[in-house]
Amino acid sequence: MTAAPRRTGPPLRVDLDAEDVGAAFAQLVLTVMELVRELLERQALRRVEAGDLTDEQIERLGCALRDIAAQLDELRTTVTPTRRNP
């Protein structure tokens, strides 16, 4: 077996802008949070359909899910970068 040829020349460098990295990380976090919210919602629906919750619990759960969605929307508008003009 032969070894892969070694790269000659200058080392590869990635030009990263701290603002772009931060915005990408914020978008990743928001995406994960949205996935968790969707999972919570699906689990809540399963419990409601199974009859595991009282009317009061269903009401509280609905309010909590609504509040979580509103907070995610607020976060999204806060951290979503505005497009820069080149």
PDB file of N, CA and C in Angstrom:
ATOM      1  N   MET A   1       0.847  -1.158   0.000  1.00  0.00           N
ATOM      2  CA  MET A   1       0.000   0.000   0.000  1.00  0.00           C
ATOM      3  C   MET A   1       0.902   1.233   0.000  1.00  0.00           C
ATOM      4  N   THR A   2       0.541   2.205  -0.839  1.00  0.00           N
ATOM      5  CA  THR A   2       1.354   3.417  -0.921  1.00  0.00           C
ATOM      6  C   THR A   2       0.701   4.540  -0.124  1.00  0.00           C
ATOM      7  N   ALA A   3       1.529   5.385   0.401  1.00  0.00           N
ATOM      8  CA  ALA A   3       1.027   6.520   1.189  1.00  0.00           C
ATOM      9  C   ALA A   3       0.484   7.590   0.250  1.00  0.00           C
ATOM     10  N   ALA A   4      -0.477   8.307   0.725  1.00  0.00           N
ATOM     11  CA  ALA A   4      -1.034   9.406  -0.068  1.00  0.00           C
ATOM     12  C   ALA A   4       0.040  10.475  -0.242  1.00  0.00           C
ATOM     13  N   PRO A   5       0.058  11.103  -1.392  1.00  0.00           N
ATOM     14  CA  PRO A   5       1.081  12.131  -1.604  1.00  0.00           C
ATOM     15  C   PRO A   5       0.894  13.278  -0.617  1.00  0.00           C
ATOM     16  N   ARG A   6       2.006  13.813  -0.158  1.00  0.00           N
ATOM     17  CA  ARG A   6       1.957  14.934   0.777  1.00  0.00           C
ATOM     18  C   ARG A   6       1.716  16.219   0.010  1.00  0.00           C
ATOM     19  N   ARG A   7       0.980  17.076   0.633  1.00  0.00           N
ATOM     20  CA  ARG A   7       0.687  18.367   0.027  1.00  0.00           C
ATOM     21  C   ARG A   7       1.902  19.264   0.184  1.00  0.00           C
ATOM     22  N   THR A   8       2.288  19.846  -0.907  1.00  0.00           N
ATOM     23  CA  THR A   8       3.378  20.812  -0.859  1.00  0.00           C
ATOM     24  C   THR A   8       2.796  22.188  -1.121  1.00  0.00           C
ATOM     25  N   GLY A   9       3.437  23.172  -0.650  1.00  0.00           N
ATOM     26  CA  GLY A   9       2.944  24.533  -0.832  1.00  0.00           C
ATOM     27  C   GLY A   9       2.481  25.097   0.499  1.00  0.00           C
ATOM     28  N   PRO A  10       1.885  26.257   0.430  1.00  0.00           N
ATOM     29  CA  PRO A  10       1.476  26.905   1.685  1.00  0.00           C
ATOM     30  C   PRO A  10       0.360  26.114   2.369  1.00  0.00           C
ATOM     31  N   PRO A  11       0.333  26.179   3.704  1.00  0.00           N
ATOM     32  CA  PRO A  11      -0.724  25.455   4.420  1.00  0.00           C
ATOM     33  C   PRO A  11      -2.096  26.033   4.094  1.00  0.00           C
ATOM     34  N   LEU A  12      -3.085  25.168   4.128  1.00  0.00           N
ATOM     35  CA  LEU A  12      -4.447  25.628   3.873  1.00  0.00           C
ATOM     36  C   LEU A  12      -4.922  26.458   5.053  1.00  0.00           C
ATOM     37  N   ARG A  13      -5.519  27.572   4.761  1.00  0.00           N
ATOM     38  CA  ARG A  13      -6.047  28.434   5.813  1.00  0.00           C
ATOM     39  C   ARG A  13      -7.487  28.792   5.471  1.00  0.00           C
ATOM     40  N   VAL A  14      -8.278  28.858   6.508  1.00  0.00           N
ATOM     41  CA  VAL A  14      -9.665  29.266   6.340  1.00  0.00           C
ATOM     42  C   VAL A  14      -9.787  30.662   6.919  1.00  0.00           C
ATOM     43  N   ASP A  15     -10.271  31.573   6.104  1.00  0.00           N
ATOM     44  CA  ASP A  15     -10.434  32.948   6.558  1.00  0.00           C
ATOM     45  C   ASP A  15     -11.787  33.062   7.249  1.00  0.00           C
ATOM     46  N   LEU A  16     -11.755  33.109   8.574  1.00  0.00           N
ATOM     47  CA  LEU A  16     -12.989  33.174   9.350  1.00  0.00           C
ATOM     48  C   LEU A  16     -13.165  34.559   9.945  1.00  0.00           C
ATOM     49  N   ASP A  17     -14.341  35.069   9.775  1.00  0.00           N
ATOM     50  CA  ASP A  17     -14.704  36.334  10.391  1.00  0.00           C
ATOM     51  C   ASP A  17     -15.438  36.006  11.679  1.00  0.00           C
ATOM     52  N   ALA A  18     -15.010  36.585  12.785  1.00  0.00           N
ATOM     53  CA  ALA A  18     -15.611  36.275  14.094  1.00  0.00           C
ATOM     54  C   ALA A  18     -17.110  36.522  14.087  1.00  0.00           C
ATOM     55  N   GLU A  19     -17.549  37.561  13.409  1.00  0.00           N
ATOM     56  CA  GLU A  19     -18.984  37.866  13.351  1.00  0.00           C
ATOM     57  C   GLU A  19     -19.747  36.775  12.600  1.00  0.00           C
ATOM     58  N   ASP A  20     -19.165  36.298  11.488  1.00  0.00           N
ATOM     59  CA  ASP A  20     -19.813  35.234  10.724  1.00  0.00           C
ATOM     60  C   ASP A  20     -19.887  33.935  11.523  1.00  0.00           C
ATOM     61  N   VAL A  21     -18.811  33.628  12.241  1.00  0.00           N
ATOM     62  CA  VAL A  21     -18.785  32.411  13.057  1.00  0.00           C
ATOM     63  C   VAL A  21     -19.826  32.512  14.165  1.00  0.00           C
ATOM     64  N   GLY A  22     -19.900  33.658  14.805  1.00  0.00           N
ATOM     65  CA  GLY A  22     -20.883  33.864  15.867  1.00  0.00           C
ATOM     66  C   GLY A  22     -22.304  33.747  15.349  1.00  0.00           C
ATOM     67  N   ALA A  23     -22.564  34.318  14.187  1.00  0.00           N
ATOM     68  CA  ALA A  23     -23.903  34.253  13.597  1.00  0.00           C
ATOM     69  C   ALA A  23     -24.253  32.808  13.223  1.00  0.00           C
ATOM     70  N   ALA A  24     -23.297  32.078  12.690  1.00  0.00           N
ATOM     71  CA  ALA A  24     -23.537  30.683  12.324  1.00  0.00           C
ATOM     72  C   ALA A  24     -23.807  29.836  13.567  1.00  0.00           C
ATOM     73  N   PHE A  25     -23.048  30.101  14.624  1.00  0.00           N
ATOM     74  CA  PHE A  25     -23.257  29.363  15.873  1.00  0.00           C
ATOM     75  C   PHE A  25     -24.630  29.681  16.457  1.00  0.00           C
ATOM     76  N   ALA A  26     -25.014  30.943  16.438  1.00  0.00           N
ATOM     77  CA  ALA A  26     -26.331  31.340  16.940  1.00  0.00           C
ATOM     78  C   ALA A  26     -27.435  30.658  16.141  1.00  0.00           C
ATOM     79  N   GLN A  27     -27.273  30.569  14.830  1.00  0.00           N
ATOM     80  CA  GLN A  27     -28.270  29.902  13.991  1.00  0.00           C
ATOM     81  C   GLN A  27     -28.347  28.417  14.324  1.00  0.00           C
ATOM     82  N   LEU A  28     -27.200  27.792  14.579  1.00  0.00           N
ATOM     83  CA  LEU A  28     -27.176  26.384  14.962  1.00  0.00           C
ATOM     84  C   LEU A  28     -27.917  26.173  16.280  1.00  0.00           C
ATOM     85  N   VAL A  29     -27.642  27.024  17.260  1.00  0.00           N
ATOM     86  CA  VAL A  29     -28.312  26.913  18.559  1.00  0.00           C
ATOM     87  C   VAL A  29     -29.821  27.088  18.398  1.00  0.00           C
ATOM     88  N   LEU A  30     -30.238  28.065  17.607  1.00  0.00           N
ATOM     89  CA  LEU A  30     -31.667  28.273  17.379  1.00  0.00           C
ATOM     90  C   LEU A  30     -32.311  27.064  16.706  1.00  0.00           C
ATOM     91  N   THR A  31     -31.615  26.465  15.777  1.00  0.00           N
ATOM     92  CA  THR A  31     -32.141  25.281  15.093  1.00  0.00           C
ATOM     93  C   THR A  31     -32.319  24.123  16.074  1.00  0.00           C
ATOM     94  N   VAL A  32     -31.331  23.918  16.931  1.00  0.00           N
ATOM     95  CA  VAL A  32     -31.439  22.852  17.936  1.00  0.00           C
ATOM     96  C   VAL A  32     -32.592  23.139  18.891  1.00  0.00           C
ATOM     97  N   MET A  33     -32.712  24.391  19.313  1.00  0.00           N
ATOM     98  CA  MET A  33     -33.808  24.764  20.219  1.00  0.00           C
ATOM     99  C   MET A  33     -35.167  24.547  19.560  1.00  0.00           C
ATOM    100  N   GLU A  34     -35.268  24.858  18.290  1.00  0.00           N
ATOM    101  CA  GLU A  34     -36.524  24.652  17.561  1.00  0.00           C
ATOM    102  C   GLU A  34     -36.846  23.160  17.467  1.00  0.00           C
ATOM    103  N   LEU A  35     -35.834  22.331  17.238  1.00  0.00           N
ATOM    104  CA  LEU A  35     -36.056  20.882  17.198  1.00  0.00           C
ATOM    105  C   LEU A  35     -36.543  20.361  18.546  1.00  0.00           C
ATOM    106  N   VAL A  36     -35.954  20.851  19.622  1.00  0.00           N
ATOM    107  CA  VAL A  36     -36.384  20.445  20.963  1.00  0.00           C
ATOM    108  C   VAL A  36     -37.821  20.891  21.206  1.00  0.00           C
ATOM    109  N   ARG A  37     -38.163  22.111  20.787  1.00  0.00           N
ATOM    110  CA  ARG A  37     -39.533  22.595  20.936  1.00  0.00           C
ATOM    111  C   ARG A  37     -40.519  21.699  20.185  1.00  0.00           C
ATOM    112  N   GLU A  38     -40.168  21.314  18.973  1.00  0.00           N
ATOM    113  CA  GLU A  38     -41.033  20.432  18.193  1.00  0.00           C
ATOM    114  C   GLU A  38     -41.195  19.075  18.872  1.00  0.00           C
ATOM    115  N   LEU A  39     -40.107  18.551  19.429  1.00  0.00           N
ATOM    116  CA  LEU A  39     -40.200  17.275  20.138  1.00  0.00           C
ATOM    117  C   LEU A  39     -41.106  17.387  21.360  1.00  0.00           C
ATOM    118  N   LEU A  40     -40.970  18.478  22.105  1.00  0.00           N
ATOM    119  CA  LEU A  40     -41.845  18.700  23.263  1.00  0.00           C
ATOM    120  C   LEU A  40     -43.312  18.778  22.833  1.00  0.00           C
ATOM    121  N   GLU A  41     -43.552  19.467  21.742  1.00  0.00           N
ATOM    122  CA  GLU A  41     -44.919  19.603  21.239  1.00  0.00           C
ATOM    123  C   GLU A  41     -45.500  18.246  20.836  1.00  0.00           C
ATOM    124  N   ARG A  42     -44.705  17.461  20.148  1.00  0.00           N
ATOM    125  CA  ARG A  42     -45.180  16.128  19.731  1.00  0.00           C
ATOM    126  C   ARG A  42     -45.474  15.240  20.937  1.00  0.00           C
ATOM    127  N   GLN A  43     -44.586  15.298  21.936  1.00  0.00           N
ATOM    128  CA  GLN A  43     -44.805  14.503  23.144  1.00  0.00           C
ATOM    129  C   GLN A  43     -46.062  14.972  23.863  1.00  0.00           C
ATOM    130  N   ALA A  44     -46.267  16.278  23.910  1.00  0.00           N
ATOM    131  CA  ALA A  44     -47.470  16.818  24.554  1.00  0.00           C
ATOM    132  C   ALA A  44     -48.728  16.334  23.831  1.00  0.00           C
ATOM    133  N   LEU A  45     -48.704  16.354  22.514  1.00  0.00           N
ATOM    134  CA  LEU A  45     -49.863  15.876  21.750  1.00  0.00           C
ATOM    135  C   LEU A  45     -50.135  14.395  22.006  1.00  0.00           C
ATOM    136  N   ARG A  46     -49.087  13.611  22.087  1.00  0.00           N
ATOM    137  CA  ARG A  46     -49.271  12.180  22.391  1.00  0.00           C
ATOM    138  C   ARG A  46     -49.941  11.996  23.750  1.00  0.00           C
ATOM    139  N   ARG A  47     -49.491  12.775  24.726  1.00  0.00           N
ATOM    140  CA  ARG A  47     -50.063  12.659  26.070  1.00  0.00           C
ATOM    141  C   ARG A  47     -51.511  13.121  26.096  1.00  0.00           C
ATOM    142  N   VAL A  48     -51.824  14.179  25.355  1.00  0.00           N
ATOM    143  CA  VAL A  48     -53.206  14.659  25.291  1.00  0.00           C
ATOM    144  C   VAL A  48     -54.088  13.601  24.629  1.00  0.00           C
ATOM    145  N   GLU A  49     -53.632  13.069  23.505  1.00  0.00           N
ATOM    146  CA  GLU A  49     -54.403  12.055  22.782  1.00  0.00           C
ATOM    147  C   GLU A  49     -54.567  10.775  23.590  1.00  0.00           C
ATOM    148  N   ALA A  50     -53.591  10.468  24.426  1.00  0.00           N
ATOM    149  CA  ALA A  50     -53.673   9.261  25.250  1.00  0.00           C
ATOM    150  C   ALA A  50     -54.565   9.468  26.471  1.00  0.00           C
ATOM    151  N   GLY A  51     -54.954  10.711  26.742  1.00  0.00           N
ATOM    152  CA  GLY A  51     -55.798  10.989  27.891  1.00  0.00           C
ATOM    153  C   GLY A  51     -55.048  11.013  29.210  1.00  0.00           C
ATOM    154  N   ASP A  52     -53.743  11.238  29.152  1.00  0.00           N
ATOM    155  CA  ASP A  52     -52.913  11.225  30.359  1.00  0.00           C
ATOM    156  C   ASP A  52     -52.975  12.525  31.153  1.00  0.00           C
ATOM    157  N   LEU A  53     -53.585  13.567  30.602  1.00  0.00           N
ATOM    158  CA  LEU A  53     -53.541  14.881  31.230  1.00  0.00           C
ATOM    159  C   LEU A  53     -54.942  15.378  31.593  1.00  0.00           C
ATOM    160  N   THR A  54     -54.988  16.150  32.663  1.00  0.00           N
ATOM    161  CA  THR A  54     -56.252  16.792  33.032  1.00  0.00           C
ATOM    162  C   THR A  54     -56.430  18.028  32.153  1.00  0.00           C
ATOM    163  N   ASP A  55     -57.634  18.600  32.187  1.00  0.00           N
ATOM    164  CA  ASP A  55     -57.888  19.815  31.418  1.00  0.00           C
ATOM    165  C   ASP A  55     -56.957  20.950  31.848  1.00  0.00           C
ATOM    166  N   GLU A  56     -56.707  21.059  33.147  1.00  0.00           N
ATOM    167  CA  GLU A  56     -55.814  22.103  33.651  1.00  0.00           C
ATOM    168  C   GLU A  56     -54.392  21.889  33.146  1.00  0.00           C
ATOM    169  N   GLN A  57     -53.926  20.649  33.140  1.00  0.00           N
ATOM    170  CA  GLN A  57     -52.581  20.350  32.647  1.00  0.00           C
ATOM    171  C   GLN A  57     -52.471  20.653  31.154  1.00  0.00           C
ATOM    172  N   ILE A  58     -53.520  20.344  30.413  1.00  0.00           N
ATOM    173  CA  ILE A  58     -53.521  20.625  28.972  1.00  0.00           C
ATOM    174  C   ILE A  58     -53.425  22.131  28.743  1.00  0.00           C
ATOM    175  N   GLU A  59     -54.183  22.896  29.517  1.00  0.00           N
ATOM    176  CA  GLU A  59     -54.154  24.356  29.388  1.00  0.00           C
ATOM    177  C   GLU A  59     -52.760  24.907  29.711  1.00  0.00           C
ATOM    178  N   ARG A  60     -52.170  24.441  30.804  1.00  0.00           N
ATOM    179  CA  ARG A  60     -50.836  24.903  31.195  1.00  0.00           C
ATOM    180  C   ARG A  60     -49.790  24.523  30.153  1.00  0.00           C
ATOM    181  N   LEU A  61     -49.914  23.321  29.631  1.00  0.00           N
ATOM    182  CA  LEU A  61     -48.985  22.849  28.615  1.00  0.00           C
ATOM    183  C   LEU A  61     -49.090  23.688  27.346  1.00  0.00           C
ATOM    184  N   GLY A  62     -50.319  23.975  26.933  1.00  0.00           N
ATOM    185  CA  GLY A  62     -50.525  24.809  25.747  1.00  0.00           C
ATOM    186  C   GLY A  62     -49.924  26.198  25.927  1.00  0.00           C
ATOM    187  N   CYS A  63     -50.121  26.785  27.105  1.00  0.00           N
ATOM    188  CA  CYS A  63     -49.552  28.109  27.385  1.00  0.00           C
ATOM    189  C   CYS A  63     -48.026  28.057  27.378  1.00  0.00           C
ATOM    190  N   ALA A  64     -47.473  27.029  27.968  1.00  0.00           N
ATOM    191  CA  ALA A  64     -46.012  26.893  28.017  1.00  0.00           C
ATOM    192  C   ALA A  64     -45.432  26.742  26.604  1.00  0.00           C
ATOM    193  N   LEU A  65     -46.065  25.918  25.785  1.00  0.00           N
ATOM    194  CA  LEU A  65     -45.571  25.724  24.419  1.00  0.00           C
ATOM    195  C   LEU A  65     -45.689  27.013  23.609  1.00  0.00           C
ATOM    196  N   ARG A  66     -46.766  27.748  23.811  1.00  0.00           N
ATOM    197  CA  ARG A  66     -46.951  29.033  23.125  1.00  0.00           C
ATOM    198  C   ARG A  66     -45.862  30.016  23.558  1.00  0.00           C
ATOM    199  N   ASP A  67     -45.570  30.059  24.861  1.00  0.00           N
ATOM    200  CA  ASP A  67     -44.541  30.966  25.370  1.00  0.00           C
ATOM    201  C   ASP A  67     -43.163  30.605  24.834  1.00  0.00           C
ATOM    202  N   ILE A  68     -42.874  29.314  24.767  1.00  0.00           N
ATOM    203  CA  ILE A  68     -41.585  28.866  24.230  1.00  0.00           C
ATOM    204  C   ILE A  68     -41.448  29.290  22.776  1.00  0.00           C
ATOM    205  N   ALA A  69     -42.503  29.105  21.978  1.00  0.00           N
ATOM    206  CA  ALA A  69     -42.465  29.497  20.567  1.00  0.00           C
ATOM    207  C   ALA A  69     -42.250  31.004  20.434  1.00  0.00           C
ATOM    208  N   ALA A  70     -42.911  31.789  21.277  1.00  0.00           N
ATOM    209  CA  ALA A  70     -42.755  33.245  21.227  1.00  0.00           C
ATOM    210  C   ALA A  70     -41.329  33.649  21.593  1.00  0.00           C
ATOM    211  N   GLN A  71     -40.766  33.004  22.599  1.00  0.00           N
ATOM    212  CA  GLN A  71     -39.396  33.327  23.004  1.00  0.00           C
ATOM    213  C   GLN A  71     -38.392  32.952  21.910  1.00  0.00           C
ATOM    214  N   LEU A  72     -38.628  31.830  21.247  1.00  0.00           N
ATOM    215  CA  LEU A  72     -37.745  31.444  20.141  1.00  0.00           C
ATOM    216  C   LEU A  72     -37.844  32.451  19.000  1.00  0.00           C
ATOM    217  N   ASP A  73     -39.051  32.911  18.698  1.00  0.00           N
ATOM    218  CA  ASP A  73     -39.217  33.924  17.654  1.00  0.00           C
ATOM    219  C   ASP A  73     -38.472  35.207  18.021  1.00  0.00           C
ATOM    220  N   GLU A  74     -38.566  35.599  19.281  1.00  0.00           N
ATOM    221  CA  GLU A  74     -37.870  36.801  19.739  1.00  0.00           C
ATOM    222  C   GLU A  74     -36.354  36.627  19.640  1.00  0.00           C
ATOM    223  N   LEU A  75     -35.872  35.470  20.061  1.00  0.00           N
ATOM    224  CA  LEU A  75     -34.433  35.198  19.944  1.00  0.00           C
ATOM    225  C   LEU A  75     -33.985  35.208  18.490  1.00  0.00           C
ATOM    226  N   ARG A  76     -34.800  34.629  17.633  1.00  0.00           N
ATOM    227  CA  ARG A  76     -34.450  34.554  16.221  1.00  0.00           C
ATOM    228  C   ARG A  76     -34.302  35.957  15.635  1.00  0.00           C
ATOM    229  N   THR A  77     -35.209  36.868  15.981  1.00  0.00           N
ATOM    230  CA  THR A  77     -35.097  38.229  15.450  1.00  0.00           C
ATOM    231  C   THR A  77     -33.917  38.971  16.069  1.00  0.00           C
ATOM    232  N   THR A  78     -33.542  38.593  17.281  1.00  0.00           N
ATOM    233  CA  THR A  78     -32.420  39.245  17.958  1.00  0.00           C
ATOM    234  C   THR A  78     -31.080  38.819  17.372  1.00  0.00           C
ATOM    235  N   VAL A  79     -30.925  37.544  17.085  1.00  0.00           N
ATOM    236  CA  VAL A  79     -29.604  37.044  16.667  1.00  0.00           C
ATOM    237  C   VAL A  79     -29.457  36.837  15.172  1.00  0.00           C
ATOM    238  N   THR A  80     -30.531  36.932  14.422  1.00  0.00           N
ATOM    239  CA  THR A  80     -30.408  36.746  12.979  1.00  0.00           C
ATOM    240  C   THR A  80     -29.669  37.941  12.395  1.00  0.00           C
ATOM    241  N   PRO A  81     -28.558  37.688  11.748  1.00  0.00           N
ATOM    242  CA  PRO A  81     -27.775  38.800  11.224  1.00  0.00           C
ATOM    243  C   PRO A  81     -28.494  39.485  10.066  1.00  0.00           C
ATOM    244  N   THR A  82     -28.304  40.776   9.975  1.00  0.00           N
ATOM    245  CA  THR A  82     -28.828  41.497   8.826  1.00  0.00           C
ATOM    246  C   THR A  82     -27.840  41.323   7.699  1.00  0.00           C
ATOM    247  N   ARG A  83     -28.345  41.313   6.509  1.00  0.00           N
ATOM    248  CA  ARG A  83     -27.469  41.153   5.347  1.00  0.00           C
ATOM    249  C   ARG A  83     -26.630  42.405   5.154  1.00  0.00           C
ATOM    250  N   ARG A  84     -25.340  42.161   4.966  1.00  0.00           N
ATOM    251  CA  ARG A  84     -24.425  43.280   4.708  1.00  0.00           C
ATOM    252  C   ARG A  84     -24.336  43.523   3.217  1.00  0.00           C
ATOM    253  N   ASN A  85     -24.269  44.768   2.848  1.00  0.00           N
ATOM    254  CA  ASN A  85     -24.075  45.116   1.439  1.00  0.00           C
ATOM    255  C   ASN A  85     -22.594  45.050   1.134  1.00  0.00           C
ATOM    256  N   PRO A  86     -22.215  44.342   0.064  1.00  0.00           N
ATOM    257  CA  PRO A  86     -20.788  44.212  -0.268  1.00  0.00           C
ATOM    258  C   PRO A  86     -20.199  45.511  -0.760  1.00  0.00           C
TER     259      PRO A  86
END
